[in-house]
Amino acid sequence: MSKLNRIGNVANPFQGTHKRVLCVCSAGLLRSPTAAEVLSKGPFNFNTRAAGLSEEFALVVVDDVLLAWADEVVCMEMSQVATLLEMGAKQVVCLGIEDNFPFRDARLQELVAQKYLEGSAPIVPVATPLSHFGTGGPLQGSDDPTPQNREPLW
């Protein structure tokens, strides 16, 4: 499929009006597809896709077309937030789930639902380039992504 066809599909009206959520982990093989499945069902009922950030390991790599499609990106680790924002993500929610679960693991499914409900306040891009914030990234404080620990600099 050409990139023009992919870009055209971003606005395909047959996708409906459900929130479009791109779930991202390092390789897009275990955590993000599990998250996509969980978030596609009730009580969320989102239109979901899964991808990975690692060009070396991901079967489907996060790119500008996937980010244009997504209303929100749900990532697994705080270390992924800055990369996603720099790539053009509109808003990012970080679940803070480590890479030690098998695909569709029952505990992973519970964590995805629980952490999304607890911390669904998004981290949004800032007008100032992230490089201006030094190595600490766009957030101050703890690496804990729960809402009470999200302290934007802006």
N, C-alpha and C. Protein backbone atom coordinates (compact mmCIF):
# COMPACT_ATOMS: atom_id res chain seq x y z
N MET A 1 0.85 -1.17 0.00
CA MET A 1 0.00 0.00 0.00
C MET A 1 0.90 1.24 0.00
N SER A 2 0.59 2.17 -0.86
CA SER A 2 1.39 3.38 -0.90
C SER A 2 1.08 4.27 0.31
N LYS A 3 2.03 5.16 0.58
CA LYS A 3 1.84 6.05 1.72
C LYS A 3 0.63 6.96 1.50
N LEU A 4 0.37 7.35 0.25
CA LEU A 4 -0.81 8.18 -0.03
C LEU A 4 -2.10 7.46 0.32
N ASN A 5 -2.17 6.16 0.01
CA ASN A 5 -3.35 5.38 0.39
C ASN A 5 -3.48 5.30 1.90
N ARG A 6 -2.36 5.11 2.59
CA ARG A 6 -2.38 5.04 4.05
C ARG A 6 -2.85 6.37 4.63
N ILE A 7 -2.34 7.47 4.11
CA ILE A 7 -2.75 8.79 4.60
C ILE A 7 -4.23 9.01 4.34
N GLY A 8 -4.72 8.56 3.19
CA GLY A 8 -6.14 8.67 2.88
C GLY A 8 -7.00 7.89 3.86
N ASN A 9 -6.50 6.76 4.30
CA ASN A 9 -7.25 5.94 5.25
C ASN A 9 -7.35 6.56 6.64
N VAL A 10 -6.50 7.52 6.94
CA VAL A 10 -6.57 8.21 8.23
C VAL A 10 -7.96 8.82 8.42
N ALA A 11 -8.52 9.34 7.35
CA ALA A 11 -9.82 10.02 7.42
C ALA A 11 -10.98 9.16 6.92
N ASN A 12 -10.78 7.86 6.79
CA ASN A 12 -11.82 6.98 6.30
C ASN A 12 -13.05 7.06 7.21
N PRO A 13 -14.20 7.52 6.68
CA PRO A 13 -15.38 7.73 7.52
C PRO A 13 -16.01 6.44 8.05
N PHE A 14 -15.68 5.31 7.45
CA PHE A 14 -16.26 4.04 7.88
C PHE A 14 -15.65 3.52 9.18
N GLN A 15 -14.65 4.23 9.70
CA GLN A 15 -14.06 3.85 11.00
C GLN A 15 -14.98 4.23 12.15
N GLY A 16 -15.95 5.07 11.88
CA GLY A 16 -16.88 5.49 12.92
C GLY A 16 -16.33 6.63 13.76
N THR A 17 -17.00 6.88 14.86
CA THR A 17 -16.65 8.02 15.70
C THR A 17 -15.93 7.63 16.99
N HIS A 18 -15.60 6.35 17.13
CA HIS A 18 -14.90 5.92 18.34
C HIS A 18 -13.52 6.56 18.40
N LYS A 19 -13.07 6.84 19.61
CA LYS A 19 -11.74 7.39 19.83
C LYS A 19 -10.71 6.42 19.24
N ARG A 20 -9.76 6.98 18.47
CA ARG A 20 -8.71 6.17 17.84
C ARG A 20 -7.47 6.18 18.74
N VAL A 21 -7.11 5.01 19.23
CA VAL A 21 -6.01 4.88 20.19
C VAL A 21 -4.94 3.96 19.62
N LEU A 22 -3.72 4.50 19.54
CA LEU A 22 -2.56 3.71 19.13
C LEU A 22 -1.84 3.26 20.38
N CYS A 23 -1.73 1.96 20.57
CA CYS A 23 -1.03 1.39 21.73
C CYS A 23 0.39 1.06 21.31
N VAL A 24 1.35 1.52 22.12
CA VAL A 24 2.76 1.42 21.74
C VAL A 24 3.58 0.81 22.86
N CYS A 25 4.47 -0.11 22.46
CA CYS A 25 5.50 -0.62 23.37
C CYS A 25 6.78 -0.70 22.55
N SER A 26 7.77 -1.39 23.04
CA SER A 26 9.05 -1.41 22.33
C SER A 26 8.97 -2.16 21.00
N ALA A 27 8.46 -3.38 21.00
CA ALA A 27 8.41 -4.16 19.76
C ALA A 27 7.01 -4.31 19.18
N GLY A 28 5.99 -3.92 19.92
CA GLY A 28 4.63 -4.03 19.42
C GLY A 28 4.14 -5.46 19.32
N LEU A 29 4.69 -6.35 20.13
CA LEU A 29 4.34 -7.77 20.03
C LEU A 29 3.59 -8.32 21.23
N LEU A 30 3.80 -7.78 22.42
CA LEU A 30 3.22 -8.36 23.62
C LEU A 30 2.32 -7.37 24.35
N ARG A 31 2.91 -6.31 24.89
CA ARG A 31 2.13 -5.37 25.71
C ARG A 31 1.16 -4.53 24.88
N SER A 32 1.62 -3.93 23.79
CA SER A 32 0.73 -3.04 23.05
C SER A 32 -0.43 -3.77 22.37
N PRO A 33 -0.24 -4.95 21.77
CA PRO A 33 -1.42 -5.63 21.23
C PRO A 33 -2.39 -6.08 22.31
N THR A 34 -1.86 -6.44 23.48
CA THR A 34 -2.74 -6.79 24.59
C THR A 34 -3.52 -5.56 25.04
N ALA A 35 -2.84 -4.41 25.14
CA ALA A 35 -3.52 -3.17 25.51
C ALA A 35 -4.57 -2.79 24.47
N ALA A 36 -4.24 -2.96 23.20
CA ALA A 36 -5.19 -2.63 22.13
C ALA A 36 -6.45 -3.48 22.24
N GLU A 37 -6.27 -4.75 22.57
CA GLU A 37 -7.43 -5.63 22.73
C GLU A 37 -8.28 -5.18 23.92
N VAL A 38 -7.64 -4.91 25.05
CA VAL A 38 -8.37 -4.49 26.26
C VAL A 38 -9.13 -3.19 25.99
N LEU A 39 -8.47 -2.22 25.38
CA LEU A 39 -9.08 -0.90 25.17
C LEU A 39 -10.11 -0.88 24.05
N SER A 40 -10.16 -1.97 23.26
CA SER A 40 -11.17 -2.04 22.19
C SER A 40 -12.50 -2.58 22.70
N LYS A 41 -12.50 -3.10 23.93
CA LYS A 41 -13.71 -3.67 24.53
C LYS A 41 -14.28 -2.71 25.58
N GLY A 42 -15.47 -3.04 26.09
CA GLY A 42 -16.08 -2.25 27.15
C GLY A 42 -15.23 -2.26 28.40
N PRO A 43 -15.22 -1.21 29.14
CA PRO A 43 -16.03 0.00 29.03
C PRO A 43 -15.46 1.05 28.07
N PHE A 44 -14.32 0.75 27.42
CA PHE A 44 -13.65 1.76 26.60
C PHE A 44 -14.21 1.84 25.18
N ASN A 45 -14.24 0.70 24.49
CA ASN A 45 -14.76 0.62 23.12
C ASN A 45 -14.05 1.55 22.14
N PHE A 46 -12.71 1.62 22.26
CA PHE A 46 -11.92 2.46 21.35
C PHE A 46 -11.61 1.70 20.07
N ASN A 47 -11.33 2.44 19.02
CA ASN A 47 -10.79 1.91 17.77
C ASN A 47 -9.29 1.86 17.99
N THR A 48 -8.70 0.68 18.06
CA THR A 48 -7.30 0.57 18.48
C THR A 48 -6.41 -0.08 17.41
N ARG A 49 -5.14 0.26 17.51
CA ARG A 49 -4.07 -0.36 16.74
C ARG A 49 -2.88 -0.53 17.68
N ALA A 50 -1.96 -1.42 17.34
CA ALA A 50 -0.76 -1.63 18.14
C ALA A 50 0.47 -1.53 17.25
N ALA A 51 1.54 -0.96 17.81
CA ALA A 51 2.79 -0.81 17.08
C ALA A 51 3.93 -0.73 18.07
N GLY A 52 5.16 -0.79 17.55
CA GLY A 52 6.34 -0.71 18.39
C GLY A 52 7.26 0.41 17.96
N LEU A 53 8.07 0.88 18.89
CA LEU A 53 9.01 1.97 18.61
C LEU A 53 10.35 1.46 18.06
N SER A 54 10.71 0.22 18.33
CA SER A 54 12.01 -0.30 17.93
C SER A 54 11.99 -0.73 16.46
N GLU A 55 12.72 0.00 15.62
CA GLU A 55 12.79 -0.38 14.21
C GLU A 55 13.46 -1.73 14.03
N GLU A 56 14.28 -2.12 14.99
CA GLU A 56 14.99 -3.39 14.92
C GLU A 56 14.08 -4.58 15.20
N PHE A 57 13.10 -4.41 16.09
CA PHE A 57 12.30 -5.55 16.55
C PHE A 57 10.82 -5.48 16.18
N ALA A 58 10.27 -4.31 15.96
CA ALA A 58 8.83 -4.18 15.73
C ALA A 58 8.42 -4.69 14.35
N LEU A 59 7.32 -5.44 14.31
CA LEU A 59 6.75 -5.85 13.03
C LEU A 59 6.03 -4.67 12.38
N VAL A 60 5.32 -3.88 13.20
CA VAL A 60 4.67 -2.65 12.75
C VAL A 60 5.32 -1.53 13.55
N VAL A 61 6.04 -0.66 12.86
CA VAL A 61 6.79 0.41 13.52
C VAL A 61 5.94 1.68 13.54
N VAL A 62 5.95 2.37 14.67
CA VAL A 62 5.25 3.65 14.80
C VAL A 62 5.81 4.61 13.74
N ASP A 63 4.92 5.24 12.99
CA ASP A 63 5.36 6.22 12.00
C ASP A 63 4.38 7.39 11.98
N ASP A 64 4.66 8.35 11.11
CA ASP A 64 3.85 9.57 11.06
C ASP A 64 2.40 9.31 10.66
N VAL A 65 2.15 8.30 9.84
CA VAL A 65 0.78 8.00 9.43
C VAL A 65 -0.02 7.43 10.61
N LEU A 66 0.56 6.51 11.36
CA LEU A 66 -0.12 5.98 12.54
C LEU A 66 -0.39 7.08 13.56
N LEU A 67 0.58 7.98 13.74
CA LEU A 67 0.39 9.08 14.70
C LEU A 67 -0.67 10.07 14.21
N ALA A 68 -0.76 10.28 12.90
CA ALA A 68 -1.81 11.15 12.35
C ALA A 68 -3.18 10.51 12.56
N TRP A 69 -3.25 9.18 12.45
CA TRP A 69 -4.51 8.46 12.64
C TRP A 69 -4.98 8.54 14.08
N ALA A 70 -4.07 8.46 15.03
CA ALA A 70 -4.43 8.32 16.45
C ALA A 70 -4.88 9.62 17.10
N ASP A 71 -6.00 9.56 17.80
CA ASP A 71 -6.42 10.67 18.65
C ASP A 71 -5.57 10.70 19.92
N GLU A 72 -5.12 9.52 20.33
CA GLU A 72 -4.35 9.38 21.56
C GLU A 72 -3.40 8.20 21.39
N VAL A 73 -2.21 8.34 21.98
CA VAL A 73 -1.26 7.24 22.00
C VAL A 73 -1.13 6.77 23.44
N VAL A 74 -1.26 5.47 23.66
CA VAL A 74 -1.06 4.87 24.97
C VAL A 74 0.25 4.10 24.91
N CYS A 75 1.22 4.53 25.72
CA CYS A 75 2.50 3.84 25.73
C CYS A 75 2.69 3.13 27.06
N MET A 76 3.70 2.27 27.11
CA MET A 76 3.91 1.43 28.28
C MET A 76 4.92 1.99 29.26
N GLU A 77 5.91 2.79 28.80
CA GLU A 77 6.99 3.24 29.65
C GLU A 77 7.22 4.74 29.50
N MET A 78 7.60 5.38 30.61
CA MET A 78 7.88 6.82 30.58
C MET A 78 8.98 7.15 29.59
N SER A 79 9.93 6.24 29.39
CA SER A 79 11.02 6.50 28.45
C SER A 79 10.52 6.64 27.01
N GLN A 80 9.30 6.21 26.73
CA GLN A 80 8.74 6.29 25.38
C GLN A 80 8.00 7.59 25.12
N VAL A 81 7.64 8.31 26.17
CA VAL A 81 6.81 9.52 26.03
C VAL A 81 7.49 10.58 25.18
N ALA A 82 8.71 10.95 25.52
CA ALA A 82 9.41 12.02 24.80
C ALA A 82 9.56 11.68 23.32
N THR A 83 9.91 10.43 23.03
CA THR A 83 10.06 10.00 21.63
C THR A 83 8.76 10.17 20.88
N LEU A 84 7.66 9.74 21.48
CA LEU A 84 6.35 9.84 20.81
C LEU A 84 5.94 11.30 20.59
N LEU A 85 6.19 12.15 21.57
CA LEU A 85 5.86 13.57 21.41
C LEU A 85 6.72 14.21 20.32
N GLU A 86 8.01 13.87 20.30
CA GLU A 86 8.89 14.40 19.26
C GLU A 86 8.49 13.92 17.87
N MET A 87 7.92 12.72 17.79
CA MET A 87 7.48 12.16 16.51
C MET A 87 6.17 12.78 16.04
N GLY A 88 5.47 13.50 16.93
CA GLY A 88 4.24 14.17 16.53
C GLY A 88 2.96 13.66 17.14
N ALA A 89 3.05 12.84 18.18
CA ALA A 89 1.82 12.36 18.85
C ALA A 89 1.02 13.55 19.38
N LYS A 90 -0.29 13.50 19.20
CA LYS A 90 -1.16 14.58 19.66
C LYS A 90 -1.26 14.61 21.18
N GLN A 91 -1.40 13.44 21.79
CA GLN A 91 -1.38 13.32 23.24
C GLN A 91 -0.99 11.89 23.58
N VAL A 92 -0.33 11.76 24.72
CA VAL A 92 0.20 10.46 25.14
C VAL A 92 -0.25 10.17 26.56
N VAL A 93 -0.68 8.94 26.77
CA VAL A 93 -0.98 8.44 28.11
C VAL A 93 0.01 7.32 28.37
N CYS A 94 0.74 7.40 29.47
CA CYS A 94 1.71 6.37 29.81
C CYS A 94 1.16 5.50 30.94
N LEU A 95 1.14 4.19 30.70
CA LEU A 95 0.62 3.26 31.69
C LEU A 95 1.67 2.78 32.68
N GLY A 96 2.94 2.94 32.38
CA GLY A 96 3.99 2.52 33.29
C GLY A 96 4.00 1.02 33.54
N ILE A 97 3.94 0.24 32.47
CA ILE A 97 3.94 -1.23 32.58
C ILE A 97 5.24 -1.77 32.00
N GLU A 98 5.98 -2.50 32.82
CA GLU A 98 7.27 -3.05 32.41
C GLU A 98 7.10 -4.19 31.40
N ASP A 99 8.19 -4.48 30.70
CA ASP A 99 8.19 -5.50 29.65
C ASP A 99 8.51 -6.88 30.23
N ASN A 100 7.58 -7.41 31.03
CA ASN A 100 7.80 -8.74 31.59
C ASN A 100 6.50 -9.56 31.64
N PHE A 101 5.67 -9.39 30.61
CA PHE A 101 4.41 -10.13 30.53
C PHE A 101 4.30 -10.82 29.18
N PRO A 102 3.73 -12.02 29.16
CA PRO A 102 3.43 -12.64 27.87
C PRO A 102 2.20 -11.99 27.22
N PHE A 103 2.03 -12.24 25.94
CA PHE A 103 0.89 -11.74 25.18
C PHE A 103 -0.41 -12.21 25.82
N ARG A 104 -1.33 -11.30 25.99
CA ARG A 104 -2.67 -11.54 26.56
C ARG A 104 -2.66 -12.12 27.98
N ASP A 105 -1.59 -11.89 28.70
CA ASP A 105 -1.51 -12.34 30.08
C ASP A 105 -2.66 -11.72 30.88
N ALA A 106 -3.30 -12.51 31.72
CA ALA A 106 -4.46 -12.03 32.49
C ALA A 106 -4.09 -10.85 33.38
N ARG A 107 -2.95 -10.91 34.04
CA ARG A 107 -2.53 -9.80 34.92
C ARG A 107 -2.23 -8.55 34.09
N LEU A 108 -1.63 -8.72 32.91
CA LEU A 108 -1.37 -7.58 32.03
C LEU A 108 -2.68 -6.93 31.61
N GLN A 109 -3.68 -7.72 31.27
CA GLN A 109 -4.97 -7.17 30.89
C GLN A 109 -5.59 -6.36 32.03
N GLU A 110 -5.50 -6.89 33.25
CA GLU A 110 -6.02 -6.17 34.41
C GLU A 110 -5.28 -4.85 34.62
N LEU A 111 -3.94 -4.88 34.49
CA LEU A 111 -3.14 -3.67 34.68
C LEU A 111 -3.47 -2.60 33.65
N VAL A 112 -3.63 -3.01 32.40
CA VAL A 112 -3.95 -2.04 31.34
C VAL A 112 -5.25 -1.31 31.68
N ALA A 113 -6.29 -2.06 31.99
CA ALA A 113 -7.58 -1.44 32.31
C ALA A 113 -7.48 -0.56 33.55
N GLN A 114 -6.86 -1.08 34.59
CA GLN A 114 -6.74 -0.35 35.86
C GLN A 114 -5.93 0.93 35.68
N LYS A 115 -4.76 0.83 35.06
CA LYS A 115 -3.90 2.00 34.92
C LYS A 115 -4.48 3.03 33.96
N TYR A 116 -5.18 2.58 32.92
CA TYR A 116 -5.80 3.55 32.02
C TYR A 116 -6.90 4.32 32.76
N LEU A 117 -7.71 3.62 33.52
CA LEU A 117 -8.78 4.29 34.27
C LEU A 117 -8.22 5.23 35.34
N GLU A 118 -7.14 4.83 35.99
CA GLU A 118 -6.53 5.65 37.04
C GLU A 118 -5.81 6.87 36.49
N GLY A 119 -5.18 6.73 35.35
CA GLY A 119 -4.30 7.80 34.89
C GLY A 119 -4.53 8.24 33.48
N SER A 120 -5.79 8.47 33.12
CA SER A 120 -6.06 8.78 31.72
C SER A 120 -5.90 10.25 31.36
N ALA A 121 -5.35 11.08 32.27
CA ALA A 121 -5.07 12.47 31.90
C ALA A 121 -3.87 12.46 30.95
N PRO A 122 -4.02 12.98 29.75
CA PRO A 122 -2.96 12.87 28.76
C PRO A 122 -1.79 13.83 29.00
N ILE A 123 -0.64 13.44 28.50
CA ILE A 123 0.52 14.31 28.42
C ILE A 123 0.48 14.86 27.00
N VAL A 124 0.44 16.18 26.86
CA VAL A 124 0.30 16.77 25.53
C VAL A 124 1.59 17.47 25.14
N PRO A 125 1.82 17.62 23.83
CA PRO A 125 3.03 18.29 23.38
C PRO A 125 3.06 19.75 23.83
N VAL A 126 4.26 20.28 23.91
CA VAL A 126 4.45 21.67 24.27
C VAL A 126 4.98 22.41 23.06
N ALA A 127 4.83 23.74 23.07
CA ALA A 127 5.30 24.54 21.94
C ALA A 127 6.83 24.58 21.88
N THR A 128 7.48 24.50 23.04
CA THR A 128 8.93 24.53 23.09
C THR A 128 9.48 23.15 22.78
N PRO A 129 10.51 23.05 21.92
CA PRO A 129 11.08 21.72 21.63
C PRO A 129 11.53 21.02 22.90
N LEU A 130 11.35 19.71 22.94
CA LEU A 130 11.69 18.94 24.13
C LEU A 130 13.17 19.03 24.46
N SER A 131 14.01 19.28 23.47
CA SER A 131 15.44 19.36 23.73
C SER A 131 15.78 20.51 24.67
N HIS A 132 14.90 21.49 24.79
CA HIS A 132 15.14 22.62 25.68
C HIS A 132 14.96 22.25 27.15
N PHE A 133 14.42 21.08 27.42
CA PHE A 133 14.17 20.68 28.79
C PHE A 133 15.30 19.81 29.35
N GLY A 134 16.35 19.61 28.60
CA GLY A 134 17.46 18.81 29.09
C GLY A 134 17.14 17.33 29.00
N THR A 135 17.91 16.54 29.71
CA THR A 135 17.76 15.09 29.62
C THR A 135 16.58 14.56 30.40
N GLY A 136 15.98 15.37 31.23
CA GLY A 136 14.86 14.90 32.04
C GLY A 136 13.56 14.77 31.28
N GLY A 137 13.50 15.19 30.03
CA GLY A 137 12.27 15.07 29.26
C GLY A 137 11.28 16.16 29.63
N PRO A 138 10.04 16.04 29.14
CA PRO A 138 9.07 17.10 29.31
C PRO A 138 8.39 17.15 30.66
N LEU A 139 8.66 16.20 31.55
CA LEU A 139 7.97 16.16 32.83
C LEU A 139 8.95 16.34 33.97
N GLN A 140 8.47 16.93 35.04
CA GLN A 140 9.25 17.01 36.26
C GLN A 140 8.78 15.90 37.18
N GLY A 141 9.59 15.62 38.20
CA GLY A 141 9.14 14.71 39.24
C GLY A 141 9.37 13.26 38.91
N SER A 142 8.58 12.43 39.52
CA SER A 142 8.73 10.99 39.47
C SER A 142 8.48 10.42 38.08
N ASP A 143 9.01 9.25 37.82
CA ASP A 143 8.70 8.51 36.60
C ASP A 143 7.37 7.79 36.71
N ASP A 144 6.73 7.89 37.86
CA ASP A 144 5.43 7.28 38.08
C ASP A 144 4.39 8.04 37.26
N PRO A 145 3.69 7.39 36.31
CA PRO A 145 2.78 8.10 35.42
C PRO A 145 1.38 8.34 35.98
N THR A 146 1.14 8.04 37.25
CA THR A 146 -0.19 8.26 37.78
C THR A 146 -0.49 9.75 37.82
N PRO A 147 -1.76 10.14 37.73
CA PRO A 147 -2.12 11.55 37.58
C PRO A 147 -1.51 12.46 38.65
N GLN A 148 -1.45 12.04 39.90
CA GLN A 148 -0.94 12.91 40.93
C GLN A 148 0.56 13.19 40.74
N ASN A 149 1.27 12.38 39.95
CA ASN A 149 2.68 12.58 39.74
C ASN A 149 3.00 13.21 38.39
N ARG A 150 2.00 13.54 37.62
CA ARG A 150 2.23 14.20 36.34
C ARG A 150 2.29 15.70 36.58
N GLU A 151 3.48 16.25 36.51
CA GLU A 151 3.67 17.67 36.75
C GLU A 151 4.26 18.30 35.50
N PRO A 152 3.42 18.73 34.55
CA PRO A 152 3.96 19.33 33.33
C PRO A 152 4.75 20.59 33.63
N LEU A 153 5.73 20.86 32.80
CA LEU A 153 6.53 22.09 32.96
C LEU A 153 5.78 23.32 32.47
N TRP A 154 4.78 23.16 31.65
CA TRP A 154 4.09 24.30 31.07
C TRP A 154 2.92 24.72 31.88
